[in-house]
Amino acid sequence: MRWSVYYGVELLFKQGWHENRIIIIGTGTLGKQLVQNIKTSKFYTNVEVVAFFDDNKKSPIKTLENIPIIHNISTLASFVENNKINEVLVTPQNIEISYLETVLHQLRYQLVIVRFVANLLSFRLINASIANKYGLPVITLVESPMTKGINRFLKFIEDKLIASLIILLISPLMLVIASGIKLNSPGPIFFCQERVGWNGQLFMMFKFRSMPMDAEKETGPVWNKMDDQRATRFGHFLRKTSLDELPQFWNVLKGDMSIVGPRPERPYFVEQFKAEIPNYMQKHLVKAGITGWAQVNGWRGNTDLRQRIEHDIFYIENWSILFDFQIIVMTIFKGFFNKNAY
C-alpha cells in the first residue's frame, strides 16, 4: 500500500498535479543550494524554481543554475501574479531588514507563502526549532529533548521501571560476581569513580571492581587499551562480558544515569576531549546511559571518539521511547560481547 501511494503521488507530481512554483530572493550560496537540493531530490519533483530575484542591477549575471535572474525587485508583485507563484523564499545573504520589509510590502496583496531561509549551514544544530518566546520569534539552535513536553517524565518512568525489574532479575548473578571478586583479589567488591553526567554534573558511577586496588596510583588516569594488563583474571572476564557495568542500574535508580544514553567519562578526559573533539560537550544534553547508540554500533573501548560522539548526538537529535527500546533490544543481542569491550 505504501509503495502504491508513494509511486502514485510521484506520478501525479510529474504530471503537474499540485505543482509548487517558487521564487528565490537572493543569488548567494543559500539560493544556489536551494536549487541544487530541489533538483537532486526525488521528493521535490512537484517543485519548480521559476526565477531568482536580486536587486543588484549592475550585475552582468542573467541566469543561475539555468534559471533567470530578475534584477528589479519592484516587479516582484506582478511577476508573482502573472506566473502563478505559490511560494517566495527569501535568503539572507546581503539582505538587510529594510530589504526584507520591501519584499513583504511588495507582496502585501498577494496570496503567496513567504518563507525566510536562515543562514545556519555552518552550525551543528541539535533539536533546532522556532517558537515565540519573550514576545519575539526565537530560533533554538541547541536544546535537550528532555526539555520538551513530557519527555523528561516519560524517560523517568522508563528508567525506574526497567532498572527495578532488571535489578530483581540479576540479583543472584550479582551475588555470584561479588563472591568471585572477593575470591580473586583483596579489596572491595565495588569500584566507585567520578564521572560527568547530565548538564556537566559530577556523580559517582558504580562498577564491579576489575583491577587491583590503587591500579592508577602511579600512572594517574589512563585510557583503557586492549593489552591493558592491570585487570585481574576475573576482572578481565567481567570487562569482556560487560558484567562489570551491572551495578550502574543502581545509578539509574538514584537518578544519576539512564538506561540508554551516551556513556559518561571521567572529568580528566572530558577536559581533554572537549578541546579536541567537535561537539563533544553536547553529549551531556541528556543523562549518561549504561548503553547507547554508539555502543550497540561498535563504538566503544579504544575506538574513534569522533564517530562515537556523532552517534551520541544522533541519539539526542532523534530521541524517543521507541528508539530507547530499540537500543535496549540491540544491547541484549550484541551489546554485551564486543571485540572492543576490555
C-alpha atoms as a PDB file:
ATOM      1  CA  MET A   1       0.000   0.000   0.000  1.00  0.00           C
ATOM      2  CA  ARG A   2       2.845   2.408   0.865  1.00  0.00           C
ATOM      3  CA  TRP A   3       4.599   1.547  -2.390  1.00  0.00           C
ATOM      4  CA  SER A   4       1.409   2.232  -4.362  1.00  0.00           C
ATOM      5  CA  VAL A   5       0.760   5.556  -2.640  1.00  0.00           C
ATOM      6  CA  TYR A   6       4.382   6.681  -2.976  1.00  0.00           C
ATOM      7  CA  TYR A   7       4.684   5.985  -6.691  1.00  0.00           C
ATOM      8  CA  GLY A   8       1.133   7.136  -7.359  1.00  0.00           C
ATOM      9  CA  VAL A   9       1.793  10.534  -5.792  1.00  0.00           C
ATOM     10  CA  GLU A  10       5.167  10.767  -7.558  1.00  0.00           C
ATOM     11  CA  LEU A  11       3.450  10.122 -10.906  1.00  0.00           C
ATOM     12  CA  LEU A  12       0.860  12.815 -10.186  1.00  0.00           C
ATOM     13  CA  PHE A  13       3.599  15.271  -9.273  1.00  0.00           C
ATOM     14  CA  LYS A  14       5.451  14.576 -12.531  1.00  0.00           C
ATOM     15  CA  GLN A  15       2.245  15.288 -14.458  1.00  0.00           C
ATOM     16  CA  GLY A  16       1.922  18.683 -12.806  1.00  0.00           C
ATOM     17  CA  TRP A  17      -0.581  17.888 -10.053  1.00  0.00           C
ATOM     18  CA  HIS A  18      -0.228  20.292  -7.126  1.00  0.00           C
ATOM     19  CA  GLU A  19       2.795  21.908  -8.752  1.00  0.00           C
ATOM     20  CA  ASN A  20       4.633  24.258  -6.403  1.00  0.00           C
ATOM     21  CA  ARG A  21       6.074  27.220  -8.310  1.00  0.00           C
ATOM     22  CA  ILE A  22       8.573  29.221  -6.297  1.00  0.00           C
ATOM     23  CA  ILE A  23      10.765  32.312  -6.454  1.00  0.00           C
ATOM     24  CA  ILE A  24      14.056  32.641  -4.593  1.00  0.00           C
ATOM     25  CA  ILE A  25      15.102  36.088  -3.386  1.00  0.00           C
ATOM     26  CA  GLY A  26      18.902  36.298  -3.343  1.00  0.00           C
ATOM     27  CA  THR A  27      21.516  34.649  -5.548  1.00  0.00           C
ATOM     28  CA  GLY A  28      24.091  33.802  -2.886  1.00  0.00           C
ATOM     29  CA  THR A  29      25.186  30.435  -1.517  1.00  0.00           C
ATOM     30  CA  LEU A  30      21.843  29.564   0.080  1.00  0.00           C
ATOM     31  CA  GLY A  31      19.854  30.390  -3.050  1.00  0.00           C
ATOM     32  CA  LYS A  32      22.077  28.154  -5.149  1.00  0.00           C
ATOM     33  CA  GLN A  33      21.919  25.404  -2.504  1.00  0.00           C
ATOM     34  CA  LEU A  34      18.118  25.518  -2.528  1.00  0.00           C
ATOM     35  CA  VAL A  35      18.004  24.941  -6.287  1.00  0.00           C
ATOM     36  CA  GLN A  36      20.510  22.083  -6.126  1.00  0.00           C
ATOM     37  CA  ASN A  37      18.552  20.393  -3.316  1.00  0.00           C
ATOM     38  CA  ILE A  38      15.304  20.686  -5.255  1.00  0.00           C
ATOM     39  CA  LYS A  39      16.810  19.342  -8.472  1.00  0.00           C
ATOM     40  CA  THR A  40      18.550  16.360  -6.891  1.00  0.00           C
ATOM     41  CA  SER A  41      15.808  15.220  -4.502  1.00  0.00           C
ATOM     42  CA  LYS A  42      13.134  12.797  -5.643  1.00  0.00           C
ATOM     43  CA  PHE A  43      10.797  14.283  -3.016  1.00  0.00           C
ATOM     44  CA  TYR A  44      10.585  17.665  -4.774  1.00  0.00           C
ATOM     45  CA  THR A  45       9.526  16.572  -8.252  1.00  0.00           C
ATOM     46  CA  ASN A  46       6.478  18.870  -7.965  1.00  0.00           C
ATOM     47  CA  VAL A  47       8.626  21.955  -7.219  1.00  0.00           C
ATOM     48  CA  GLU A  48       9.745  24.346  -9.942  1.00  0.00           C
ATOM     49  CA  VAL A  49      12.039  27.301  -9.307  1.00  0.00           C
ATOM     50  CA  VAL A  50      10.699  29.889 -11.761  1.00  0.00           C
ATOM     51  CA  ALA A  51      13.114  32.761 -11.132  1.00  0.00           C
ATOM     52  CA  PHE A  52      15.659  34.408  -8.876  1.00  0.00           C
ATOM     53  CA  PHE A  53      15.228  37.995  -7.749  1.00  0.00           C
ATOM     54  CA  ASP A  54      18.320  40.047  -6.938  1.00  0.00           C
ATOM     55  CA  ASP A  55      18.240  43.838  -6.821  1.00  0.00           C
ATOM     56  CA  ASN A  56      21.859  44.247  -7.904  1.00  0.00           C
ATOM     57  CA  LYS A  57      21.114  45.972 -11.208  1.00  0.00           C
ATOM     58  CA  LYS A  58      24.821  46.306 -12.065  1.00  0.00           C
ATOM     59  CA  SER A  59      25.345  42.550 -12.045  1.00  0.00           C
ATOM     60  CA  PRO A  60      26.027  41.125 -15.534  1.00  0.00           C
ATOM     61  CA  ILE A  61      24.805  37.668 -14.497  1.00  0.00           C
ATOM     62  CA  LYS A  62      21.438  36.894 -16.062  1.00  0.00           C
ATOM     63  CA  THR A  63      20.962  33.252 -15.038  1.00  0.00           C
ATOM     64  CA  LEU A  64      21.891  30.936 -12.170  1.00  0.00           C
ATOM     65  CA  GLU A  65      21.530  27.159 -12.463  1.00  0.00           C
ATOM     66  CA  ASN A  66      19.793  27.853 -15.835  1.00  0.00           C
ATOM     67  CA  ILE A  67      17.131  29.914 -14.015  1.00  0.00           C
ATOM     68  CA  PRO A  68      16.605  33.588 -14.955  1.00  0.00           C
ATOM     69  CA  ILE A  69      17.676  36.322 -12.525  1.00  0.00           C
ATOM     70  CA  ILE A  70      15.465  39.413 -12.347  1.00  0.00           C
ATOM     71  CA  HIS A  71      17.335  42.493 -11.139  1.00  0.00           C
ATOM     72  CA  ASN A  72      14.307  44.632 -10.322  1.00  0.00           C
ATOM     73  CA  ILE A  73      12.523  43.971  -7.031  1.00  0.00           C
ATOM     74  CA  SER A  74       9.760  46.451  -7.939  1.00  0.00           C
ATOM     75  CA  THR A  75       8.382  43.908 -10.430  1.00  0.00           C
ATOM     76  CA  LEU A  76       8.097  41.147  -7.801  1.00  0.00           C
ATOM     77  CA  ALA A  77       4.346  41.501  -7.146  1.00  0.00           C
ATOM     78  CA  SER A  78       3.350  41.492 -10.811  1.00  0.00           C
ATOM     79  CA  PHE A  79       5.682  38.575 -11.545  1.00  0.00           C
ATOM     80  CA  VAL A  80       4.109  36.543  -8.717  1.00  0.00           C
ATOM     81  CA  GLU A  81       0.611  37.230 -10.022  1.00  0.00           C
ATOM     82  CA  ASN A  82       1.356  36.668 -13.718  1.00  0.00           C
ATOM     83  CA  ASN A  83       3.306  33.440 -13.182  1.00  0.00           C
ATOM     84  CA  LYS A  84       1.031  31.860 -10.562  1.00  0.00           C
ATOM     85  CA  ILE A  85       3.777  31.677  -7.929  1.00  0.00           C
ATOM     86  CA  ASN A  86       2.893  29.721  -4.790  1.00  0.00           C
ATOM     87  CA  GLU A  87       5.899  30.420  -2.603  1.00  0.00           C
ATOM     88  CA  VAL A  88       8.654  33.012  -2.167  1.00  0.00           C
ATOM     89  CA  LEU A  89      11.858  32.009  -0.355  1.00  0.00           C
ATOM     90  CA  VAL A  90      13.961  34.856   1.000  1.00  0.00           C
ATOM     91  CA  THR A  91      17.626  34.040   1.601  1.00  0.00           C
ATOM     92  CA  PRO A  92      19.602  36.304   3.947  1.00  0.00           C
ATOM     93  CA  GLN A  93      22.876  36.878   2.045  1.00  0.00           C
ATOM     94  CA  ASN A  94      23.425  40.620   1.619  1.00  0.00           C
ATOM     95  CA  ILE A  95      19.796  41.248   2.519  1.00  0.00           C
ATOM     96  CA  GLU A  96      19.145  43.863   5.187  1.00  0.00           C
ATOM     97  CA  ILE A  97      15.983  44.209   7.254  1.00  0.00           C
ATOM     98  CA  SER A  98      14.901  47.149   5.095  1.00  0.00           C
ATOM     99  CA  TYR A  99      15.174  44.937   2.007  1.00  0.00           C
ATOM    100  CA  LEU A 100      13.071  42.235   3.656  1.00  0.00           C
ATOM    101  CA  GLU A 101      10.490  44.890   4.507  1.00  0.00           C
ATOM    102  CA  THR A 102      10.457  45.879   0.828  1.00  0.00           C
ATOM    103  CA  VAL A 103       9.798  42.262  -0.209  1.00  0.00           C
ATOM    104  CA  LEU A 104       6.928  41.914   2.254  1.00  0.00           C
ATOM    105  CA  HIS A 105       5.486  45.260   1.204  1.00  0.00           C
ATOM    106  CA  GLN A 106       5.602  44.215  -2.458  1.00  0.00           C
ATOM    107  CA  LEU A 107       3.707  41.028  -1.658  1.00  0.00           C
ATOM    108  CA  ARG A 108       1.143  42.502   0.735  1.00  0.00           C
ATOM    109  CA  TYR A 109      -1.728  41.981  -1.739  1.00  0.00           C
ATOM    110  CA  GLN A 110      -0.619  38.545  -2.987  1.00  0.00           C
ATOM    111  CA  LEU A 111      -1.867  35.244  -1.578  1.00  0.00           C
ATOM    112  CA  VAL A 112       1.560  33.667  -1.570  1.00  0.00           C
ATOM    113  CA  ILE A 113       3.609  31.844   1.063  1.00  0.00           C
ATOM    114  CA  VAL A 114       6.709  33.797   2.123  1.00  0.00           C
ATOM    115  CA  ARG A 115       9.495  31.963   3.945  1.00  0.00           C
ATOM    116  CA  PHE A 116      12.792  33.213   5.329  1.00  0.00           C
ATOM    117  CA  VAL A 117      15.665  30.743   4.916  1.00  0.00           C
ATOM    118  CA  ALA A 118      18.001  31.040   7.918  1.00  0.00           C
ATOM    119  CA  ASN A 119      21.716  31.031   7.106  1.00  0.00           C
ATOM    120  CA  LEU A 120      22.661  28.251   9.529  1.00  0.00           C
ATOM    121  CA  LEU A 121      24.542  25.864   7.231  1.00  0.00           C
ATOM    122  CA  SER A 122      27.809  26.276   9.149  1.00  0.00           C
ATOM    123  CA  PHE A 123      26.306  25.342  12.542  1.00  0.00           C
ATOM    124  CA  ARG A 124      25.670  21.937  14.110  1.00  0.00           C
ATOM    125  CA  LEU A 125      22.017  22.131  15.087  1.00  0.00           C
ATOM    126  CA  ILE A 126      20.595  19.848  17.787  1.00  0.00           C
ATOM    127  CA  ASN A 127      16.799  19.728  18.105  1.00  0.00           C
ATOM    128  CA  ALA A 128      16.521  23.093  16.353  1.00  0.00           C
ATOM    129  CA  SER A 129      13.111  24.765  16.430  1.00  0.00           C
ATOM    130  CA  ILE A 130      11.428  28.159  16.223  1.00  0.00           C
ATOM    131  CA  ALA A 131       8.932  29.463  18.749  1.00  0.00           C
ATOM    132  CA  ASN A 132       7.506  32.660  20.178  1.00  0.00           C
ATOM    133  CA  LYS A 133       9.453  33.427  23.351  1.00  0.00           C
ATOM    134  CA  TYR A 134       9.637  36.625  25.343  1.00  0.00           C
ATOM    135  CA  GLY A 135       7.331  38.228  22.806  1.00  0.00           C
ATOM    136  CA  LEU A 136       9.650  37.569  19.846  1.00  0.00           C
ATOM    137  CA  PRO A 137      10.218  34.737  17.352  1.00  0.00           C
ATOM    138  CA  VAL A 138      13.257  32.846  18.644  1.00  0.00           C
ATOM    139  CA  ILE A 139      15.217  30.152  16.793  1.00  0.00           C
ATOM    140  CA  THR A 140      16.554  27.446  19.112  1.00  0.00           C
ATOM    141  CA  LEU A 141      19.825  26.054  17.787  1.00  0.00           C
ATOM    142  CA  VAL A 142      20.759  23.534  20.516  1.00  0.00           C
ATOM    143  CA  GLU A 143      18.318  22.025  23.005  1.00  0.00           C
ATOM    144  CA  SER A 144      17.961  18.877  25.071  1.00  0.00           C
ATOM    145  CA  PRO A 145      14.997  16.686  24.103  1.00  0.00           C
ATOM    146  CA  MET A 146      14.285  16.361  27.830  1.00  0.00           C
ATOM    147  CA  THR A 147      13.094  19.981  27.985  1.00  0.00           C
ATOM    148  CA  LYS A 148      10.215  19.348  25.566  1.00  0.00           C
ATOM    149  CA  GLY A 149       6.731  18.401  26.739  1.00  0.00           C
ATOM    150  CA  ILE A 150       6.567  15.340  28.968  1.00  0.00           C
ATOM    151  CA  ASN A 151       9.741  13.743  27.588  1.00  0.00           C
ATOM    152  CA  ARG A 152      11.589  14.003  30.882  1.00  0.00           C
ATOM    153  CA  PHE A 153       8.699  12.360  32.747  1.00  0.00           C
ATOM    154  CA  LEU A 154       8.486   9.519  30.206  1.00  0.00           C
ATOM    155  CA  LYS A 155      12.230   8.947  30.452  1.00  0.00           C
ATOM    156  CA  PHE A 156      11.962   8.921  34.263  1.00  0.00           C
ATOM    157  CA  ILE A 157       9.240   6.242  34.216  1.00  0.00           C
ATOM    158  CA  GLU A 158      11.133   4.174  31.646  1.00  0.00           C
ATOM    159  CA  ASP A 159      14.353   4.238  33.686  1.00  0.00           C
ATOM    160  CA  LYS A 160      12.792   3.454  37.077  1.00  0.00           C
ATOM    161  CA  LEU A 161      10.612   0.589  35.839  1.00  0.00           C
ATOM    162  CA  ILE A 162      13.271  -1.110  33.713  1.00  0.00           C
ATOM    163  CA  ALA A 163      16.069  -0.636  36.263  1.00  0.00           C
ATOM    164  CA  SER A 164      13.910  -2.045  39.108  1.00  0.00           C
ATOM    165  CA  LEU A 165      12.920  -5.080  37.041  1.00  0.00           C
ATOM    166  CA  ILE A 166      16.490  -5.769  35.907  1.00  0.00           C
ATOM    167  CA  ILE A 167      17.920  -5.491  39.442  1.00  0.00           C
ATOM    168  CA  LEU A 168      15.375  -8.050  40.646  1.00  0.00           C
ATOM    169  CA  LEU A 169      16.280 -10.419  37.826  1.00  0.00           C
ATOM    170  CA  ILE A 170      20.076 -10.116  38.088  1.00  0.00           C
ATOM    171  CA  SER A 171      20.404 -10.091  41.891  1.00  0.00           C
ATOM    172  CA  PRO A 172      21.526 -13.771  42.008  1.00  0.00           C
ATOM    173  CA  LEU A 173      24.094 -13.110  39.268  1.00  0.00           C
ATOM    174  CA  MET A 174      25.406 -10.052  41.104  1.00  0.00           C
ATOM    175  CA  LEU A 175      25.889 -12.145  44.252  1.00  0.00           C
ATOM    176  CA  VAL A 176      27.911 -14.691  42.258  1.00  0.00           C
ATOM    177  CA  ILE A 177      30.060 -11.938  40.738  1.00  0.00           C
ATOM    178  CA  ALA A 178      30.611 -10.344  44.151  1.00  0.00           C
ATOM    179  CA  SER A 179      31.833 -13.698  45.518  1.00  0.00           C
ATOM    180  CA  GLY A 180      34.158 -14.129  42.545  1.00  0.00           C
ATOM    181  CA  ILE A 181      35.726 -10.706  43.094  1.00  0.00           C
ATOM    182  CA  LYS A 182      36.329 -11.430  46.773  1.00  0.00           C
ATOM    183  CA  LEU A 183      37.928 -14.773  45.996  1.00  0.00           C
ATOM    184  CA  ASN A 184      40.066 -13.397  43.159  1.00  0.00           C
ATOM    185  CA  SER A 185      41.709 -10.385  44.800  1.00  0.00           C
ATOM    186  CA  PRO A 186      41.679  -8.484  48.084  1.00  0.00           C
ATOM    187  CA  GLY A 187      39.689  -5.262  48.305  1.00  0.00           C
ATOM    188  CA  PRO A 188      36.112  -4.010  47.986  1.00  0.00           C
ATOM    189  CA  ILE A 189      33.541  -5.511  45.635  1.00  0.00           C
ATOM    190  CA  PHE A 190      32.510  -2.241  44.059  1.00  0.00           C
ATOM    191  CA  PHE A 191      34.592   0.420  42.387  1.00  0.00           C
ATOM    192  CA  CYS A 192      33.277   3.987  42.512  1.00  0.00           C
ATOM    193  CA  GLN A 193      34.592   6.556  40.066  1.00  0.00           C
ATOM    194  CA  GLU A 194      33.676  10.187  39.445  1.00  0.00           C
ATOM    195  CA  ARG A 195      32.031  10.789  36.082  1.00  0.00           C
ATOM    196  CA  VAL A 196      30.444  13.732  34.240  1.00  0.00           C
ATOM    197  CA  GLY A 197      26.709  13.446  33.619  1.00  0.00           C
ATOM    198  CA  TRP A 198      23.712  15.499  32.532  1.00  0.00           C
ATOM    199  CA  ASN A 199      24.413  19.252  32.323  1.00  0.00           C
ATOM    200  CA  GLY A 200      28.015  18.611  33.351  1.00  0.00           C
ATOM    201  CA  GLN A 201      27.072  17.490  36.869  1.00  0.00           C
ATOM    202  CA  LEU A 202      29.520  15.142  38.608  1.00  0.00           C
ATOM    203  CA  PHE A 203      28.373  11.842  40.107  1.00  0.00           C
ATOM    204  CA  MET A 204      29.917   8.649  41.422  1.00  0.00           C
ATOM    205  CA  MET A 205      29.434   5.750  38.994  1.00  0.00           C
ATOM    206  CA  PHE A 206      29.343   2.196  40.376  1.00  0.00           C
ATOM    207  CA  LYS A 207      31.110  -0.747  38.774  1.00  0.00           C
ATOM    208  CA  PHE A 208      32.257  -4.160  39.878  1.00  0.00           C
ATOM    209  CA  ARG A 209      35.949  -3.857  40.683  1.00  0.00           C
ATOM    210  CA  SER A 210      38.029  -5.415  37.915  1.00  0.00           C
ATOM    211  CA  MET A 211      41.504  -4.174  38.879  1.00  0.00           C
ATOM    212  CA  PRO A 212      43.705  -4.415  41.989  1.00  0.00           C
ATOM    213  CA  MET A 213      43.476  -1.586  44.490  1.00  0.00           C
ATOM    214  CA  ASP A 214      45.349   1.633  43.587  1.00  0.00           C
ATOM    215  CA  ALA A 215      45.923   0.463  39.998  1.00  0.00           C
ATOM    216  CA  GLU A 216      46.311   4.086  38.838  1.00  0.00           C
ATOM    217  CA  LYS A 217      48.240   5.341  41.859  1.00  0.00           C
ATOM    218  CA  GLU A 218      51.469   5.784  39.921  1.00  0.00           C
ATOM    219  CA  THR A 219      50.165   6.377  36.382  1.00  0.00           C
ATOM    220  CA  GLY A 220      47.168   8.615  37.071  1.00  0.00           C
ATOM    221  CA  PRO A 221      44.066   8.361  34.833  1.00  0.00           C
ATOM    222  CA  VAL A 222      44.802   6.036  31.919  1.00  0.00           C
ATOM    223  CA  TRP A 223      42.613   5.284  28.873  1.00  0.00           C
ATOM    224  CA  ASN A 224      41.778   1.573  28.684  1.00  0.00           C
ATOM    225  CA  LYS A 225      43.558  -0.367  25.940  1.00  0.00           C
ATOM    226  CA  MET A 226      43.171  -3.873  24.574  1.00  0.00           C
ATOM    227  CA  ASP A 227      46.502  -5.005  26.007  1.00  0.00           C
ATOM    228  CA  ASP A 228      45.818  -3.454  29.430  1.00  0.00           C
ATOM    229  CA  GLN A 229      47.462  -5.783  31.964  1.00  0.00           C
ATOM    230  CA  ARG A 230      46.092  -4.066  35.063  1.00  0.00           C
ATOM    231  CA  ALA A 231      42.854  -6.072  35.253  1.00  0.00           C
ATOM    232  CA  THR A 232      42.720  -9.211  37.363  1.00  0.00           C
ATOM    233  CA  ARG A 233      41.912 -12.505  35.623  1.00  0.00           C
ATOM    234  CA  PHE A 234      38.332 -12.417  36.878  1.00  0.00           C
ATOM    235  CA  GLY A 235      38.183  -8.683  36.198  1.00  0.00           C
ATOM    236  CA  HIS A 236      39.236  -9.239  32.583  1.00  0.00           C
ATOM    237  CA  PHE A 237      36.317 -11.665  32.205  1.00  0.00           C
ATOM    238  CA  LEU A 238      33.922  -9.113  33.716  1.00  0.00           C
ATOM    239  CA  ARG A 239      35.102  -6.429  31.309  1.00  0.00           C
ATOM    240  CA  LYS A 240      34.980  -8.681  28.279  1.00  0.00           C
ATOM    241  CA  THR A 241      31.374  -9.599  29.030  1.00  0.00           C
ATOM    242  CA  SER A 242      30.416  -6.092  30.260  1.00  0.00           C
ATOM    243  CA  LEU A 243      29.265  -7.643  33.550  1.00  0.00           C
ATOM    244  CA  ASP A 244      31.313  -5.074  35.463  1.00  0.00           C
ATOM    245  CA  GLU A 245      28.724  -2.477  34.384  1.00  0.00           C
ATOM    246  CA  LEU A 246      25.767  -4.146  36.167  1.00  0.00           C
ATOM    247  CA  PRO A 247      25.942  -2.030  39.372  1.00  0.00           C
ATOM    248  CA  GLN A 248      25.145   1.027  37.271  1.00  0.00           C
ATOM    249  CA  PHE A 249      21.481   0.057  37.429  1.00  0.00           C
ATOM    250  CA  TRP A 250      21.713   1.429  40.978  1.00  0.00           C
ATOM    251  CA  ASN A 251      22.915   4.699  39.448  1.00  0.00           C
ATOM    252  CA  VAL A 252      19.767   4.673  37.319  1.00  0.00           C
ATOM    253  CA  LEU A 253      17.548   4.210  40.384  1.00  0.00           C
ATOM    254  CA  LYS A 254      19.414   7.045  42.100  1.00  0.00           C
ATOM    255  CA  GLY A 255      18.754   9.305  39.133  1.00  0.00           C
ATOM    256  CA  ASP A 256      22.401   9.835  38.166  1.00  0.00           C
ATOM    257  CA  MET A 257      22.136   7.834  34.953  1.00  0.00           C
ATOM    258  CA  SER A 258      19.650   6.486  32.441  1.00  0.00           C
ATOM    259  CA  ILE A 259      19.311   3.027  30.915  1.00  0.00           C
ATOM    260  CA  VAL A 260      20.075   4.482  27.473  1.00  0.00           C
ATOM    261  CA  GLY A 261      22.296   7.467  26.765  1.00  0.00           C
ATOM    262  CA  PRO A 262      25.873   8.496  25.959  1.00  0.00           C
ATOM    263  CA  ARG A 263      28.476   6.771  28.102  1.00  0.00           C
ATOM    264  CA  PRO A 264      29.831   9.037  30.876  1.00  0.00           C
ATOM    265  CA  GLU A 265      33.507   9.942  31.062  1.00  0.00           C
ATOM    266  CA  ARG A 266      35.882  10.982  33.821  1.00  0.00           C
ATOM    267  CA  PRO A 267      36.376  14.736  34.355  1.00  0.00           C
ATOM    268  CA  TYR A 268      40.065  14.437  33.446  1.00  0.00           C
ATOM    269  CA  PHE A 269      39.258  13.084  29.989  1.00  0.00           C
ATOM    270  CA  VAL A 270      36.272  15.418  29.485  1.00  0.00           C
ATOM    271  CA  GLU A 271      38.599  18.398  29.870  1.00  0.00           C
ATOM    272  CA  GLN A 272      40.934  16.829  27.329  1.00  0.00           C
ATOM    273  CA  PHE A 273      38.358  15.708  24.776  1.00  0.00           C
ATOM    274  CA  LYS A 274      36.176  18.823  24.755  1.00  0.00           C
ATOM    275  CA  ALA A 275      39.072  20.767  23.223  1.00  0.00           C
ATOM    276  CA  GLU A 276      39.873  18.045  20.678  1.00  0.00           C
ATOM    277  CA  ILE A 277      36.528  16.562  19.575  1.00  0.00           C
ATOM    278  CA  PRO A 278      33.943  18.820  17.863  1.00  0.00           C
ATOM    279  CA  ASN A 279      30.620  18.979  19.730  1.00  0.00           C
ATOM    280  CA  TYR A 280      31.958  16.720  22.489  1.00  0.00           C
ATOM    281  CA  MET A 281      30.152  18.568  25.296  1.00  0.00           C
ATOM    282  CA  GLN A 282      26.784  18.219  23.555  1.00  0.00           C
ATOM    283  CA  LYS A 283      26.623  14.593  24.745  1.00  0.00           C
ATOM    284  CA  HIS A 284      25.797  16.000  28.194  1.00  0.00           C
ATOM    285  CA  LEU A 285      22.439  17.360  26.997  1.00  0.00           C
ATOM    286  CA  VAL A 286      20.886  14.116  28.309  1.00  0.00           C
ATOM    287  CA  LYS A 287      21.655  11.748  31.153  1.00  0.00           C
ATOM    288  CA  ALA A 288      24.542   9.358  30.690  1.00  0.00           C
ATOM    289  CA  GLY A 289      23.495   5.793  29.932  1.00  0.00           C
ATOM    290  CA  ILE A 290      24.512   2.224  30.651  1.00  0.00           C
ATOM    291  CA  THR A 291      24.187   1.528  26.941  1.00  0.00           C
ATOM    292  CA  GLY A 292      23.810   3.801  23.955  1.00  0.00           C
ATOM    293  CA  TRP A 293      23.516   4.139  20.198  1.00  0.00           C
ATOM    294  CA  ALA A 294      27.293   4.385  19.849  1.00  0.00           C
ATOM    295  CA  GLN A 295      27.891   1.237  21.904  1.00  0.00           C
ATOM    296  CA  VAL A 296      25.425  -1.001  20.026  1.00  0.00           C
ATOM    297  CA  ASN A 297      27.068   0.132  16.785  1.00  0.00           C
ATOM    298  CA  GLY A 298      30.504  -0.971  17.986  1.00  0.00           C
ATOM    299  CA  TRP A 299      31.911   2.426  19.026  1.00  0.00           C
ATOM    300  CA  ARG A 300      33.153   1.566  22.476  1.00  0.00           C
ATOM    301  CA  GLY A 301      36.517   0.975  24.090  1.00  0.00           C
ATOM    302  CA  ASN A 302      39.537   2.458  22.297  1.00  0.00           C
ATOM    303  CA  THR A 303      37.684   3.395  19.074  1.00  0.00           C
ATOM    304  CA  ASP A 304      37.254   6.612  17.097  1.00  0.00           C
ATOM    305  CA  LEU A 305      35.886   9.220  19.515  1.00  0.00           C
ATOM    306  CA  ARG A 306      34.576  11.391  16.711  1.00  0.00           C
ATOM    307  CA  GLN A 307      32.390   8.564  15.453  1.00  0.00           C
ATOM    308  CA  ARG A 308      31.228   7.858  18.984  1.00  0.00           C
ATOM    309  CA  ILE A 309      30.206  11.477  19.528  1.00  0.00           C
ATOM    310  CA  GLU A 310      28.448  11.568  16.147  1.00  0.00           C
ATOM    311  CA  HIS A 311      26.363   8.576  17.231  1.00  0.00           C
ATOM    312  CA  ASP A 312      25.659  10.151  20.635  1.00  0.00           C
ATOM    313  CA  ILE A 313      24.428  13.362  19.002  1.00  0.00           C
ATOM    314  CA  PHE A 314      22.332  11.366  16.526  1.00  0.00           C
ATOM    315  CA  TYR A 315      20.683   9.716  19.539  1.00  0.00           C
ATOM    316  CA  ILE A 316      19.980  13.096  21.168  1.00  0.00           C
ATOM    317  CA  GLU A 317      18.559  14.525  17.933  1.00  0.00           C
ATOM    318  CA  ASN A 318      16.291  11.515  17.357  1.00  0.00           C
ATOM    319  CA  TRP A 319      15.397  10.518  20.916  1.00  0.00           C
ATOM    320  CA  SER A 320      12.133   8.727  21.557  1.00  0.00           C
ATOM    321  CA  ILE A 321      10.913   5.962  23.855  1.00  0.00           C
ATOM    322  CA  LEU A 322      10.788   3.598  20.865  1.00  0.00           C
ATOM    323  CA  PHE A 323      14.386   4.465  19.976  1.00  0.00           C
ATOM    324  CA  ASP A 324      15.401   3.641  23.560  1.00  0.00           C
ATOM    325  CA  PHE A 325      13.714   0.246  23.345  1.00  0.00           C
ATOM    326  CA  GLN A 326      15.393  -0.432  20.005  1.00  0.00           C
ATOM    327  CA  ILE A 327      18.801   0.211  21.622  1.00  0.00           C
ATOM    328  CA  ILE A 328      17.919  -1.965  24.632  1.00  0.00           C
ATOM    329  CA  VAL A 329      16.969  -4.879  22.341  1.00  0.00           C
ATOM    330  CA  MET A 330      20.144  -4.419  20.303  1.00  0.00           C
ATOM    331  CA  THR A 331      22.170  -4.407  23.539  1.00  0.00           C
ATOM    332  CA  ILE A 332      20.671  -7.732  24.598  1.00  0.00           C
ATOM    333  CA  PHE A 333      21.692  -9.404  21.341  1.00  0.00           C
ATOM    334  CA  LYS A 334      25.044  -7.797  20.601  1.00  0.00           C
ATOM    335  CA  GLY A 335      25.922  -5.204  23.214  1.00  0.00           C
ATOM    336  CA  PHE A 336      27.486  -7.359  25.945  1.00  0.00           C
ATOM    337  CA  PHE A 337      30.081  -9.300  23.952  1.00  0.00           C
ATOM    338  CA  ASN A 338      32.099  -6.998  21.750  1.00  0.00           C
ATOM    339  CA  LYS A 339      35.664  -7.028  20.437  1.00  0.00           C
ATOM    340  CA  ASN A 340      36.104  -3.513  21.804  1.00  0.00           C
ATOM    341  CA  ALA A 341      34.993  -4.437  25.336  1.00  0.00           C
ATOM    342  CA  TYR A 342      38.072  -4.573  27.561  1.00  0.00           C
END
